[in-house]
Amino acid sequence: MRHCGRSLVVRGMNNIRPATRPPLASFASSLLPFVLIGVLTAAVGELQFSVFIRGDWANLYGSMFVNALYLTGAFVVTRLLFRALPRRAAFIISVALAAVCGLMVEWFLIGNSPWGNPSANQLGMAAYWACLVIVPLIVIDPDPHLRPLIRTIVVYSLIYTSFAVLGQWLLPTADWRFAYHIWLVVLGYLGLIVLCMVGYNRVQRAVPVSISSTG
């Protein structure tokens, strides 16, 4: 009887499977899609500024590389936030941090500070950097309730890209194209971050979750 009981215990222990993947494997499998989606989120705006306006492909590639590095750091920070805080709080803090840190990059590394380049649209730049982090954060989230929001983001992005390409082809002068692309980036990324924030918070109100990690 003792031997039989021990066998049953051992057999039961052998049938136990880990509920989640090892932390390192989960981290690695989520990092790459997060960075790729973030780079793609910024790619259309970068294409407009670097190529459509300036004809500078090298600047486009350099910007995408810098964005990838920025996103790697953002991924680590957002993972920590979502592990430590309720989802809605972590999301709001992620939006604020992405916007503020992005503005710091613009001000002190690129030269688009209010005192260095008064014509730069600070709200548009903040929205751009927030989208860079928040869009991949939503897309890689496994919560099935976010799928309608993800589809809406994809449709929005396709429409935005179509407007960017059509404007480049159809507008007759460089001055018109310059103004068009500047304001399309500002309004487009502002619209995208509002869409993400409203949609995400609506989902969290409908399906409250206390603490969870993404990816």
N, C-alpha and C. Protein backbone atom coordinates (compact mmCIF):
# COMPACT_ATOMS: atom_id res chain seq x y z
N MET A 1 0.83 -1.20 0.00
CA MET A 1 0.00 0.00 0.00
C MET A 1 0.86 1.25 0.00
N ARG A 2 1.91 1.24 0.79
CA ARG A 2 2.79 2.41 0.80
C ARG A 2 3.42 2.61 -0.57
N HIS A 3 3.85 1.48 -1.18
CA HIS A 3 4.47 1.58 -2.50
C HIS A 3 3.47 2.08 -3.53
N CYS A 4 2.23 1.57 -3.45
CA CYS A 4 1.20 1.99 -4.39
C CYS A 4 0.90 3.47 -4.25
N GLY A 5 0.80 3.93 -3.00
CA GLY A 5 0.52 5.36 -2.78
C GLY A 5 1.63 6.23 -3.31
N ARG A 6 2.89 5.77 -3.10
CA ARG A 6 4.02 6.55 -3.60
C ARG A 6 4.01 6.59 -5.11
N SER A 7 3.63 5.48 -5.76
CA SER A 7 3.58 5.45 -7.22
C SER A 7 2.54 6.42 -7.76
N LEU A 8 1.39 6.47 -7.07
CA LEU A 8 0.35 7.40 -7.51
C LEU A 8 0.80 8.84 -7.39
N VAL A 9 1.52 9.15 -6.31
CA VAL A 9 2.01 10.52 -6.13
C VAL A 9 3.00 10.88 -7.22
N VAL A 10 3.96 9.96 -7.48
CA VAL A 10 4.96 10.21 -8.51
C VAL A 10 4.31 10.38 -9.87
N ARG A 11 3.33 9.49 -10.17
CA ARG A 11 2.64 9.57 -11.45
C ARG A 11 1.91 10.92 -11.58
N GLY A 12 1.25 11.34 -10.48
CA GLY A 12 0.56 12.62 -10.52
C GLY A 12 1.51 13.77 -10.73
N MET A 13 2.68 13.72 -10.09
CA MET A 13 3.67 14.79 -10.27
C MET A 13 4.18 14.81 -11.70
N ASN A 14 4.34 13.63 -12.31
CA ASN A 14 4.84 13.59 -13.69
C ASN A 14 3.84 14.15 -14.67
N ASN A 15 2.55 14.12 -14.31
CA ASN A 15 1.52 14.63 -15.21
C ASN A 15 1.35 16.13 -15.13
N ILE A 16 2.01 16.76 -14.14
CA ILE A 16 1.89 18.21 -13.99
C ILE A 16 2.66 18.91 -15.11
N ARG A 17 2.04 19.88 -15.76
CA ARG A 17 2.69 20.66 -16.81
C ARG A 17 2.74 22.12 -16.38
N PRO A 18 3.79 22.83 -16.71
CA PRO A 18 3.86 24.25 -16.33
C PRO A 18 2.73 25.03 -16.98
N ALA A 19 2.15 25.94 -16.21
CA ALA A 19 1.01 26.72 -16.70
C ALA A 19 1.45 27.76 -17.72
N THR A 20 2.65 28.23 -17.60
CA THR A 20 3.14 29.27 -18.52
C THR A 20 4.53 28.91 -19.00
N ARG A 21 4.94 29.57 -20.06
CA ARG A 21 6.29 29.36 -20.56
C ARG A 21 7.31 29.96 -19.60
N PRO A 22 8.57 29.52 -19.64
CA PRO A 22 9.60 30.15 -18.82
C PRO A 22 9.67 31.64 -19.12
N PRO A 23 9.96 32.47 -18.11
CA PRO A 23 9.96 33.92 -18.32
C PRO A 23 10.84 34.37 -19.47
N LEU A 24 12.02 33.78 -19.62
CA LEU A 24 12.92 34.21 -20.68
C LEU A 24 12.35 33.90 -22.06
N ALA A 25 11.72 32.73 -22.21
CA ALA A 25 11.13 32.37 -23.49
C ALA A 25 9.96 33.29 -23.82
N SER A 26 9.13 33.59 -22.82
CA SER A 26 8.01 34.51 -23.02
C SER A 26 8.50 35.88 -23.41
N PHE A 27 9.54 36.35 -22.74
CA PHE A 27 10.12 37.66 -23.03
C PHE A 27 10.62 37.73 -24.47
N ALA A 28 11.38 36.72 -24.88
CA ALA A 28 11.98 36.72 -26.22
C ALA A 28 10.91 36.62 -27.31
N SER A 29 9.88 35.80 -27.08
CA SER A 29 8.86 35.60 -28.10
C SER A 29 7.96 36.82 -28.26
N SER A 30 7.88 37.67 -27.24
CA SER A 30 7.06 38.87 -27.32
C SER A 30 7.85 40.09 -27.79
N LEU A 31 9.16 40.11 -27.52
CA LEU A 31 9.97 41.28 -27.84
C LEU A 31 10.01 41.56 -29.33
N LEU A 32 10.27 40.54 -30.14
CA LEU A 32 10.42 40.76 -31.58
C LEU A 32 9.15 41.30 -32.22
N PRO A 33 7.97 40.69 -31.99
CA PRO A 33 6.76 41.27 -32.57
C PRO A 33 6.48 42.68 -32.06
N PHE A 34 6.76 42.93 -30.78
CA PHE A 34 6.56 44.28 -30.24
C PHE A 34 7.39 45.30 -31.01
N VAL A 35 8.67 44.99 -31.20
CA VAL A 35 9.56 45.92 -31.90
C VAL A 35 9.15 46.07 -33.36
N LEU A 36 8.84 44.98 -34.04
CA LEU A 36 8.47 45.04 -35.45
C LEU A 36 7.18 45.84 -35.66
N ILE A 37 6.19 45.61 -34.82
CA ILE A 37 4.93 46.34 -34.96
C ILE A 37 5.14 47.82 -34.66
N GLY A 38 5.96 48.12 -33.65
CA GLY A 38 6.26 49.52 -33.35
C GLY A 38 6.97 50.22 -34.49
N VAL A 39 7.95 49.54 -35.09
CA VAL A 39 8.68 50.13 -36.22
C VAL A 39 7.73 50.37 -37.40
N LEU A 40 6.84 49.42 -37.65
CA LEU A 40 5.85 49.60 -38.73
C LEU A 40 4.88 50.74 -38.42
N THR A 41 4.51 50.88 -37.15
CA THR A 41 3.61 51.97 -36.77
C THR A 41 4.24 53.32 -37.10
N ALA A 42 5.53 53.44 -36.87
CA ALA A 42 6.21 54.70 -37.14
C ALA A 42 6.64 54.84 -38.60
N ALA A 43 6.66 53.74 -39.34
CA ALA A 43 7.29 53.74 -40.66
C ALA A 43 6.62 54.68 -41.64
N VAL A 44 5.29 54.77 -41.61
CA VAL A 44 4.60 55.63 -42.58
C VAL A 44 4.92 57.09 -42.31
N GLY A 45 4.86 57.50 -41.04
CA GLY A 45 5.23 58.87 -40.71
C GLY A 45 6.67 59.17 -41.05
N GLU A 46 7.57 58.22 -40.79
CA GLU A 46 8.97 58.41 -41.15
C GLU A 46 9.15 58.48 -42.67
N LEU A 47 8.38 57.66 -43.39
CA LEU A 47 8.43 57.71 -44.85
C LEU A 47 8.00 59.09 -45.36
N GLN A 48 6.98 59.65 -44.75
CA GLN A 48 6.51 60.96 -45.17
C GLN A 48 7.58 62.03 -44.93
N PHE A 49 8.15 62.05 -43.71
CA PHE A 49 9.15 63.06 -43.38
C PHE A 49 10.45 62.86 -44.15
N SER A 50 10.95 61.64 -44.17
CA SER A 50 12.28 61.39 -44.71
C SER A 50 12.31 61.30 -46.23
N VAL A 51 11.32 60.62 -46.81
CA VAL A 51 11.35 60.32 -48.24
C VAL A 51 10.44 61.25 -49.04
N PHE A 52 9.16 61.33 -48.66
CA PHE A 52 8.22 62.14 -49.43
C PHE A 52 8.58 63.63 -49.39
N ILE A 53 9.04 64.11 -48.23
CA ILE A 53 9.37 65.52 -48.10
C ILE A 53 10.82 65.81 -48.45
N ARG A 54 11.74 64.96 -47.97
CA ARG A 54 13.17 65.27 -48.11
C ARG A 54 13.90 64.39 -49.12
N GLY A 55 13.31 63.29 -49.51
CA GLY A 55 13.99 62.39 -50.45
C GLY A 55 15.21 61.72 -49.86
N ASP A 56 15.21 61.48 -48.55
CA ASP A 56 16.38 60.97 -47.84
C ASP A 56 16.10 59.57 -47.31
N TRP A 57 16.42 58.55 -48.11
CA TRP A 57 16.19 57.17 -47.69
C TRP A 57 17.09 56.78 -46.53
N ALA A 58 18.32 57.30 -46.49
CA ALA A 58 19.24 56.96 -45.40
C ALA A 58 18.68 57.40 -44.06
N ASN A 59 18.04 58.57 -44.04
CA ASN A 59 17.43 59.04 -42.80
C ASN A 59 16.29 58.13 -42.37
N LEU A 60 15.54 57.60 -43.33
CA LEU A 60 14.47 56.67 -43.01
C LEU A 60 15.02 55.43 -42.32
N TYR A 61 16.06 54.84 -42.91
CA TYR A 61 16.64 53.63 -42.33
C TYR A 61 17.24 53.91 -40.95
N GLY A 62 17.91 55.05 -40.81
CA GLY A 62 18.47 55.41 -39.51
C GLY A 62 17.40 55.61 -38.45
N SER A 63 16.30 56.24 -38.84
CA SER A 63 15.20 56.46 -37.90
C SER A 63 14.58 55.14 -37.46
N MET A 64 14.44 54.21 -38.40
CA MET A 64 13.86 52.91 -38.05
C MET A 64 14.77 52.15 -37.09
N PHE A 65 16.08 52.27 -37.27
CA PHE A 65 17.02 51.62 -36.35
C PHE A 65 16.93 52.22 -34.95
N VAL A 66 16.89 53.55 -34.87
CA VAL A 66 16.75 54.22 -33.57
C VAL A 66 15.43 53.84 -32.92
N ASN A 67 14.37 53.78 -33.71
CA ASN A 67 13.06 53.39 -33.17
C ASN A 67 13.10 51.98 -32.59
N ALA A 68 13.81 51.09 -33.26
CA ALA A 68 13.92 49.71 -32.77
C ALA A 68 14.62 49.66 -31.41
N LEU A 69 15.67 50.45 -31.25
CA LEU A 69 16.36 50.51 -29.96
C LEU A 69 15.44 51.08 -28.88
N TYR A 70 14.75 52.16 -29.23
CA TYR A 70 13.81 52.79 -28.29
C TYR A 70 12.73 51.80 -27.87
N LEU A 71 12.21 51.06 -28.83
CA LEU A 71 11.14 50.10 -28.55
C LEU A 71 11.62 48.95 -27.66
N THR A 72 12.86 48.56 -27.81
CA THR A 72 13.40 47.51 -26.95
C THR A 72 13.36 47.94 -25.48
N GLY A 73 13.81 49.17 -25.23
CA GLY A 73 13.73 49.69 -23.86
C GLY A 73 12.30 49.86 -23.40
N ALA A 74 11.42 50.33 -24.29
CA ALA A 74 10.02 50.52 -23.94
C ALA A 74 9.35 49.19 -23.60
N PHE A 75 9.73 48.14 -24.29
CA PHE A 75 9.16 46.82 -24.03
C PHE A 75 9.46 46.39 -22.60
N VAL A 76 10.70 46.56 -22.16
CA VAL A 76 11.08 46.17 -20.80
C VAL A 76 10.28 46.98 -19.78
N VAL A 77 10.19 48.29 -19.99
CA VAL A 77 9.49 49.15 -19.04
C VAL A 77 8.01 48.79 -18.95
N THR A 78 7.36 48.59 -20.10
CA THR A 78 5.93 48.29 -20.08
C THR A 78 5.66 46.92 -19.46
N ARG A 79 6.55 45.96 -19.68
CA ARG A 79 6.37 44.64 -19.05
C ARG A 79 6.38 44.79 -17.53
N LEU A 80 7.32 45.58 -17.02
CA LEU A 80 7.41 45.78 -15.58
C LEU A 80 6.16 46.48 -15.05
N LEU A 81 5.68 47.48 -15.77
CA LEU A 81 4.48 48.21 -15.35
C LEU A 81 3.26 47.29 -15.29
N PHE A 82 3.10 46.45 -16.32
CA PHE A 82 1.92 45.58 -16.37
C PHE A 82 2.00 44.43 -15.36
N ARG A 83 3.19 44.11 -14.91
CA ARG A 83 3.31 43.09 -13.87
C ARG A 83 3.03 43.67 -12.48
N ALA A 84 3.27 44.97 -12.31
CA ALA A 84 3.18 45.57 -10.99
C ALA A 84 1.86 46.28 -10.72
N LEU A 85 1.16 46.69 -11.78
CA LEU A 85 0.00 47.56 -11.61
C LEU A 85 -1.24 46.97 -12.26
N PRO A 86 -2.42 47.44 -11.87
CA PRO A 86 -3.64 47.10 -12.62
C PRO A 86 -3.50 47.54 -14.07
N ARG A 87 -4.18 46.83 -14.96
CA ARG A 87 -3.98 47.03 -16.39
C ARG A 87 -4.27 48.46 -16.85
N ARG A 88 -5.37 49.03 -16.40
CA ARG A 88 -5.70 50.39 -16.84
C ARG A 88 -4.67 51.39 -16.37
N ALA A 89 -4.23 51.26 -15.13
CA ALA A 89 -3.21 52.17 -14.61
C ALA A 89 -1.90 52.00 -15.38
N ALA A 90 -1.50 50.75 -15.61
CA ALA A 90 -0.26 50.49 -16.35
C ALA A 90 -0.34 51.05 -17.77
N PHE A 91 -1.51 50.93 -18.39
CA PHE A 91 -1.69 51.42 -19.75
C PHE A 91 -1.56 52.94 -19.80
N ILE A 92 -2.23 53.63 -18.88
CA ILE A 92 -2.19 55.10 -18.87
C ILE A 92 -0.77 55.59 -18.61
N ILE A 93 -0.08 54.97 -17.66
CA ILE A 93 1.30 55.36 -17.38
C ILE A 93 2.19 55.09 -18.59
N SER A 94 1.95 53.99 -19.29
CA SER A 94 2.73 53.68 -20.50
C SER A 94 2.53 54.75 -21.57
N VAL A 95 1.29 55.20 -21.75
CA VAL A 95 1.03 56.26 -22.72
C VAL A 95 1.80 57.52 -22.34
N ALA A 96 1.70 57.92 -21.07
CA ALA A 96 2.36 59.15 -20.62
C ALA A 96 3.88 59.05 -20.75
N LEU A 97 4.44 57.92 -20.32
CA LEU A 97 5.89 57.75 -20.39
C LEU A 97 6.39 57.75 -21.84
N ALA A 98 5.65 57.07 -22.73
CA ALA A 98 6.06 57.02 -24.13
C ALA A 98 6.05 58.41 -24.75
N ALA A 99 5.02 59.20 -24.44
CA ALA A 99 4.92 60.54 -24.98
C ALA A 99 6.02 61.44 -24.44
N VAL A 100 6.24 61.41 -23.13
CA VAL A 100 7.23 62.29 -22.51
C VAL A 100 8.65 61.90 -22.94
N CYS A 101 8.96 60.60 -22.90
CA CYS A 101 10.31 60.17 -23.31
C CYS A 101 10.55 60.45 -24.79
N GLY A 102 9.51 60.31 -25.61
CA GLY A 102 9.65 60.65 -27.02
C GLY A 102 9.93 62.13 -27.23
N LEU A 103 9.25 62.98 -26.46
CA LEU A 103 9.53 64.41 -26.56
C LEU A 103 10.96 64.72 -26.12
N MET A 104 11.46 64.01 -25.12
CA MET A 104 12.85 64.22 -24.70
C MET A 104 13.82 63.88 -25.85
N VAL A 105 13.51 62.83 -26.57
CA VAL A 105 14.32 62.49 -27.75
C VAL A 105 14.26 63.61 -28.78
N GLU A 106 13.05 64.10 -29.04
CA GLU A 106 12.89 65.18 -30.02
C GLU A 106 13.62 66.45 -29.58
N TRP A 107 13.51 66.79 -28.32
CA TRP A 107 14.09 68.04 -27.84
C TRP A 107 15.61 68.01 -27.78
N PHE A 108 16.16 66.93 -27.19
CA PHE A 108 17.58 66.94 -26.86
C PHE A 108 18.46 66.16 -27.83
N LEU A 109 17.88 65.32 -28.66
CA LEU A 109 18.68 64.59 -29.64
C LEU A 109 18.42 65.05 -31.07
N ILE A 110 17.19 65.46 -31.35
CA ILE A 110 16.84 65.84 -32.73
C ILE A 110 16.83 67.35 -32.92
N GLY A 111 16.52 68.10 -31.85
CA GLY A 111 16.52 69.56 -31.95
C GLY A 111 15.15 70.17 -32.18
N ASN A 112 14.09 69.43 -31.87
CA ASN A 112 12.74 69.94 -32.09
C ASN A 112 12.11 70.46 -30.80
N SER A 113 12.91 71.08 -29.96
CA SER A 113 12.39 71.65 -28.71
C SER A 113 11.61 72.92 -29.00
N PRO A 114 10.75 73.35 -28.07
CA PRO A 114 10.00 74.59 -28.28
C PRO A 114 10.90 75.81 -28.46
N TRP A 115 12.08 75.79 -27.82
CA TRP A 115 12.99 76.92 -27.96
C TRP A 115 13.93 76.77 -29.15
N GLY A 116 14.18 75.54 -29.58
CA GLY A 116 15.08 75.32 -30.70
C GLY A 116 14.38 75.32 -32.05
N ASN A 117 13.15 74.84 -32.06
CA ASN A 117 12.36 74.79 -33.29
C ASN A 117 10.90 75.10 -32.94
N PRO A 118 10.58 76.39 -32.78
CA PRO A 118 9.22 76.76 -32.33
C PRO A 118 8.12 76.29 -33.26
N SER A 119 8.42 76.03 -34.52
CA SER A 119 7.39 75.61 -35.47
C SER A 119 7.03 74.13 -35.33
N ALA A 120 7.83 73.37 -34.59
CA ALA A 120 7.55 71.94 -34.42
C ALA A 120 6.28 71.76 -33.59
N ASN A 121 5.42 70.85 -34.01
CA ASN A 121 4.16 70.61 -33.32
C ASN A 121 4.38 69.61 -32.18
N GLN A 122 4.40 70.12 -30.96
CA GLN A 122 4.73 69.30 -29.81
C GLN A 122 3.66 68.22 -29.55
N LEU A 123 2.40 68.58 -29.73
CA LEU A 123 1.32 67.61 -29.50
C LEU A 123 1.40 66.48 -30.50
N GLY A 124 1.67 66.81 -31.75
CA GLY A 124 1.79 65.78 -32.78
C GLY A 124 2.97 64.85 -32.51
N MET A 125 4.11 65.41 -32.07
CA MET A 125 5.26 64.57 -31.77
C MET A 125 5.00 63.66 -30.58
N ALA A 126 4.32 64.19 -29.55
CA ALA A 126 3.99 63.36 -28.39
C ALA A 126 3.08 62.20 -28.80
N ALA A 127 2.11 62.49 -29.66
CA ALA A 127 1.20 61.43 -30.13
C ALA A 127 1.95 60.38 -30.94
N TYR A 128 2.88 60.83 -31.78
CA TYR A 128 3.67 59.92 -32.60
C TYR A 128 4.45 58.93 -31.72
N TRP A 129 5.15 59.44 -30.71
CA TRP A 129 5.96 58.57 -29.86
C TRP A 129 5.09 57.69 -28.97
N ALA A 130 3.94 58.20 -28.57
CA ALA A 130 3.03 57.36 -27.79
C ALA A 130 2.51 56.19 -28.63
N CYS A 131 2.14 56.48 -29.89
CA CYS A 131 1.67 55.41 -30.79
C CYS A 131 2.74 54.37 -31.02
N LEU A 132 3.98 54.81 -31.09
CA LEU A 132 5.10 53.91 -31.33
C LEU A 132 5.13 52.77 -30.31
N VAL A 133 4.73 53.06 -29.08
CA VAL A 133 4.75 52.07 -28.00
C VAL A 133 3.38 51.44 -27.79
N ILE A 134 2.31 52.24 -27.85
CA ILE A 134 0.99 51.76 -27.45
C ILE A 134 0.39 50.82 -28.49
N VAL A 135 0.59 51.08 -29.77
CA VAL A 135 0.02 50.19 -30.79
C VAL A 135 0.56 48.76 -30.64
N PRO A 136 1.88 48.56 -30.58
CA PRO A 136 2.34 47.17 -30.39
C PRO A 136 1.94 46.59 -29.03
N LEU A 137 1.83 47.44 -28.02
CA LEU A 137 1.40 46.96 -26.71
C LEU A 137 0.00 46.34 -26.79
N ILE A 138 -0.88 46.98 -27.55
CA ILE A 138 -2.24 46.46 -27.72
C ILE A 138 -2.24 45.22 -28.61
N VAL A 139 -1.49 45.27 -29.70
CA VAL A 139 -1.55 44.19 -30.69
C VAL A 139 -1.02 42.88 -30.14
N ILE A 140 0.01 42.91 -29.30
CA ILE A 140 0.57 41.66 -28.78
C ILE A 140 -0.15 41.19 -27.52
N ASP A 141 -1.08 41.98 -27.01
CA ASP A 141 -1.82 41.57 -25.82
C ASP A 141 -2.71 40.37 -26.16
N PRO A 142 -2.63 39.27 -25.41
CA PRO A 142 -3.42 38.07 -25.75
C PRO A 142 -4.89 38.17 -25.39
N ASP A 143 -5.32 39.24 -24.76
CA ASP A 143 -6.72 39.37 -24.35
C ASP A 143 -7.63 39.33 -25.59
N PRO A 144 -8.52 38.34 -25.70
CA PRO A 144 -9.39 38.24 -26.89
C PRO A 144 -10.37 39.41 -27.02
N HIS A 145 -10.66 40.08 -25.92
CA HIS A 145 -11.58 41.22 -25.97
C HIS A 145 -10.99 42.40 -26.73
N LEU A 146 -9.68 42.40 -26.96
CA LEU A 146 -9.03 43.48 -27.68
C LEU A 146 -9.02 43.28 -29.20
N ARG A 147 -9.47 42.12 -29.66
CA ARG A 147 -9.39 41.84 -31.09
C ARG A 147 -10.18 42.83 -31.95
N PRO A 148 -11.40 43.24 -31.57
CA PRO A 148 -12.08 44.26 -32.38
C PRO A 148 -11.30 45.57 -32.47
N LEU A 149 -10.67 45.96 -31.36
CA LEU A 149 -9.85 47.18 -31.37
C LEU A 149 -8.65 47.00 -32.29
N ILE A 150 -8.03 45.84 -32.27
CA ILE A 150 -6.89 45.58 -33.14
C ILE A 150 -7.30 45.67 -34.61
N ARG A 151 -8.45 45.11 -34.95
CA ARG A 151 -8.93 45.20 -36.33
C ARG A 151 -9.18 46.65 -36.72
N THR A 152 -9.72 47.43 -35.81
CA THR A 152 -9.96 48.85 -36.09
C THR A 152 -8.65 49.59 -36.31
N ILE A 153 -7.63 49.26 -35.52
CA ILE A 153 -6.32 49.89 -35.69
C ILE A 153 -5.74 49.55 -37.06
N VAL A 154 -5.87 48.30 -37.48
CA VAL A 154 -5.36 47.89 -38.80
C VAL A 154 -6.07 48.66 -39.92
N VAL A 155 -7.39 48.75 -39.84
CA VAL A 155 -8.15 49.48 -40.86
C VAL A 155 -7.75 50.95 -40.88
N TYR A 156 -7.65 51.55 -39.70
CA TYR A 156 -7.23 52.95 -39.59
C TYR A 156 -5.86 53.15 -40.25
N SER A 157 -4.93 52.25 -39.96
CA SER A 157 -3.57 52.37 -40.49
C SER A 157 -3.55 52.25 -42.02
N LEU A 158 -4.36 51.34 -42.55
CA LEU A 158 -4.42 51.19 -44.01
C LEU A 158 -5.00 52.44 -44.67
N ILE A 159 -6.03 53.01 -44.06
CA ILE A 159 -6.62 54.24 -44.61
C ILE A 159 -5.61 55.39 -44.54
N TYR A 160 -4.92 55.50 -43.42
CA TYR A 160 -3.91 56.55 -43.26
C TYR A 160 -2.81 56.40 -44.32
N THR A 161 -2.32 55.19 -44.49
CA THR A 161 -1.27 54.95 -45.48
C THR A 161 -1.74 55.31 -46.88
N SER A 162 -2.99 54.98 -47.19
CA SER A 162 -3.54 55.33 -48.51
C SER A 162 -3.57 56.83 -48.72
N PHE A 163 -3.98 57.58 -47.70
CA PHE A 163 -4.00 59.03 -47.81
C PHE A 163 -2.59 59.59 -48.01
N ALA A 164 -1.60 59.02 -47.30
CA ALA A 164 -0.23 59.50 -47.44
C ALA A 164 0.29 59.29 -48.86
N VAL A 165 0.06 58.10 -49.42
CA VAL A 165 0.55 57.79 -50.77
C VAL A 165 -0.19 58.59 -51.83
N LEU A 166 -1.51 58.67 -51.68
CA LEU A 166 -2.29 59.41 -52.67
C LEU A 166 -1.94 60.89 -52.67
N GLY A 167 -1.74 61.46 -51.50
CA GLY A 167 -1.34 62.86 -51.41
C GLY A 167 -0.02 63.13 -52.11
N GLN A 168 0.92 62.20 -51.94
CA GLN A 168 2.22 62.35 -52.59
C GLN A 168 2.08 62.31 -54.11
N TRP A 169 1.19 61.48 -54.62
CA TRP A 169 1.01 61.36 -56.07
C TRP A 169 0.19 62.48 -56.68
N LEU A 170 -0.82 62.94 -55.94
CA LEU A 170 -1.81 63.83 -56.54
C LEU A 170 -1.52 65.32 -56.36
N LEU A 171 -0.88 65.69 -55.27
CA LEU A 171 -0.66 67.12 -55.03
C LEU A 171 0.40 67.65 -56.00
N PRO A 172 0.16 68.82 -56.61
CA PRO A 172 0.99 69.24 -57.74
C PRO A 172 2.32 69.89 -57.37
N THR A 173 2.45 70.49 -56.18
CA THR A 173 3.67 71.23 -55.86
C THR A 173 4.31 70.70 -54.59
N ALA A 174 5.61 70.97 -54.44
CA ALA A 174 6.34 70.53 -53.25
C ALA A 174 5.81 71.22 -52.00
N ASP A 175 5.44 72.50 -52.10
CA ASP A 175 4.92 73.22 -50.95
C ASP A 175 3.61 72.61 -50.46
N TRP A 176 2.73 72.28 -51.38
CA TRP A 176 1.47 71.64 -51.00
C TRP A 176 1.72 70.29 -50.34
N ARG A 177 2.63 69.51 -50.93
CA ARG A 177 2.93 68.19 -50.37
C ARG A 177 3.54 68.32 -48.98
N PHE A 178 4.41 69.31 -48.78
CA PHE A 178 5.03 69.53 -47.48
C PHE A 178 3.96 69.79 -46.41
N ALA A 179 3.09 70.75 -46.67
CA ALA A 179 2.04 71.08 -45.70
C ALA A 179 1.11 69.89 -45.47
N TYR A 180 0.78 69.19 -46.54
CA TYR A 180 -0.13 68.04 -46.45
C TYR A 180 0.44 66.95 -45.54
N HIS A 181 1.71 66.59 -45.78
CA HIS A 181 2.31 65.51 -45.01
C HIS A 181 2.51 65.91 -43.55
N ILE A 182 2.90 67.15 -43.29
CA ILE A 182 3.08 67.60 -41.91
C ILE A 182 1.79 67.44 -41.13
N TRP A 183 0.71 67.96 -41.69
CA TRP A 183 -0.56 67.94 -40.96
C TRP A 183 -1.19 66.55 -40.95
N LEU A 184 -0.92 65.75 -41.97
CA LEU A 184 -1.44 64.39 -41.95
C LEU A 184 -0.78 63.59 -40.83
N VAL A 185 0.52 63.78 -40.64
CA VAL A 185 1.22 63.09 -39.55
C VAL A 185 0.67 63.53 -38.20
N VAL A 186 0.54 64.84 -38.02
CA VAL A 186 0.06 65.37 -36.74
C VAL A 186 -1.35 64.85 -36.43
N LEU A 187 -2.26 65.05 -37.37
CA LEU A 187 -3.65 64.65 -37.13
C LEU A 187 -3.82 63.13 -37.14
N GLY A 188 -3.06 62.45 -38.01
CA GLY A 188 -3.18 61.00 -38.10
C GLY A 188 -2.74 60.29 -36.85
N TYR A 189 -1.59 60.68 -36.29
CA TYR A 189 -1.11 60.01 -35.08
C TYR A 189 -1.90 60.45 -33.85
N LEU A 190 -2.39 61.68 -33.84
CA LEU A 190 -3.29 62.09 -32.76
C LEU A 190 -4.56 61.24 -32.78
N GLY A 191 -5.13 61.05 -33.97
CA GLY A 191 -6.31 60.22 -34.08
C GLY A 191 -6.06 58.79 -33.65
N LEU A 192 -4.87 58.28 -33.99
CA LEU A 192 -4.55 56.90 -33.65
C LEU A 192 -4.41 56.71 -32.15
N ILE A 193 -3.74 57.65 -31.47
CA ILE A 193 -3.55 57.47 -30.03
C ILE A 193 -4.88 57.64 -29.29
N VAL A 194 -5.74 58.53 -29.78
CA VAL A 194 -7.07 58.66 -29.18
C VAL A 194 -7.86 57.37 -29.37
N LEU A 195 -7.81 56.81 -30.57
CA LEU A 195 -8.48 55.54 -30.84
C LEU A 195 -8.00 54.45 -29.90
N CYS A 196 -6.69 54.36 -29.71
CA CYS A 196 -6.13 53.32 -28.84
C CYS A 196 -6.56 53.52 -27.39
N MET A 197 -6.50 54.75 -26.91
CA MET A 197 -6.83 55.00 -25.51
C MET A 197 -8.31 54.78 -25.22
N VAL A 198 -9.16 55.30 -26.09
CA VAL A 198 -10.60 55.13 -25.88
C VAL A 198 -10.98 53.65 -25.99
N GLY A 199 -10.48 52.97 -27.02
CA GLY A 199 -10.81 51.57 -27.22
C GLY A 199 -10.31 50.68 -26.10
N TYR A 200 -9.09 50.90 -25.65
CA TYR A 200 -8.52 50.07 -24.59
C TYR A 200 -9.27 50.27 -23.28
N ASN A 201 -9.53 51.51 -22.92
CA ASN A 201 -10.22 51.78 -21.66
C ASN A 201 -11.66 51.27 -21.70
N ARG A 202 -12.28 51.30 -22.86
CA ARG A 202 -13.63 50.75 -22.99
C ARG A 202 -13.62 49.25 -22.72
N VAL A 203 -12.63 48.56 -23.25
CA VAL A 203 -12.53 47.12 -23.02
C VAL A 203 -12.28 46.83 -21.54
N GLN A 204 -11.41 47.60 -20.92
CA GLN A 204 -11.10 47.35 -19.51
C GLN A 204 -12.27 47.64 -18.60
N ARG A 205 -13.10 48.62 -18.94
CA ARG A 205 -14.30 48.87 -18.15
C ARG A 205 -15.30 47.72 -18.29
N ALA A 206 -15.37 47.16 -19.49
CA ALA A 206 -16.32 46.08 -19.72
C ALA A 206 -15.85 44.77 -19.10
N VAL A 207 -14.54 44.53 -19.14
CA VAL A 207 -13.96 43.29 -18.61
C VAL A 207 -12.84 43.67 -17.66
N PRO A 208 -13.14 44.03 -16.42
CA PRO A 208 -12.10 44.48 -15.49
C PRO A 208 -11.15 43.36 -15.12
N VAL A 209 -9.86 43.68 -15.17
CA VAL A 209 -8.81 42.73 -14.76
C VAL A 209 -7.89 43.49 -13.82
N SER A 210 -7.52 42.90 -12.71
CA SER A 210 -6.76 43.63 -11.70
C SER A 210 -5.31 43.80 -12.10
N ILE A 211 -4.57 42.72 -12.20
CA ILE A 211 -3.15 42.80 -12.54
C ILE A 211 -2.84 41.72 -13.57
N SER A 212 -2.14 42.10 -14.62
CA SER A 212 -1.80 41.12 -15.65
C SER A 212 -0.64 41.65 -16.44
N SER A 213 0.11 40.76 -17.07
CA SER A 213 1.20 41.16 -17.96
C SER A 213 0.78 40.91 -19.38
N THR A 214 1.35 41.69 -20.30
CA THR A 214 1.06 41.52 -21.71
C THR A 214 2.09 40.61 -22.33
N GLY A 215 1.69 39.94 -23.41
CA GLY A 215 2.64 39.12 -24.15
C GLY A 215 2.75 37.75 -23.58
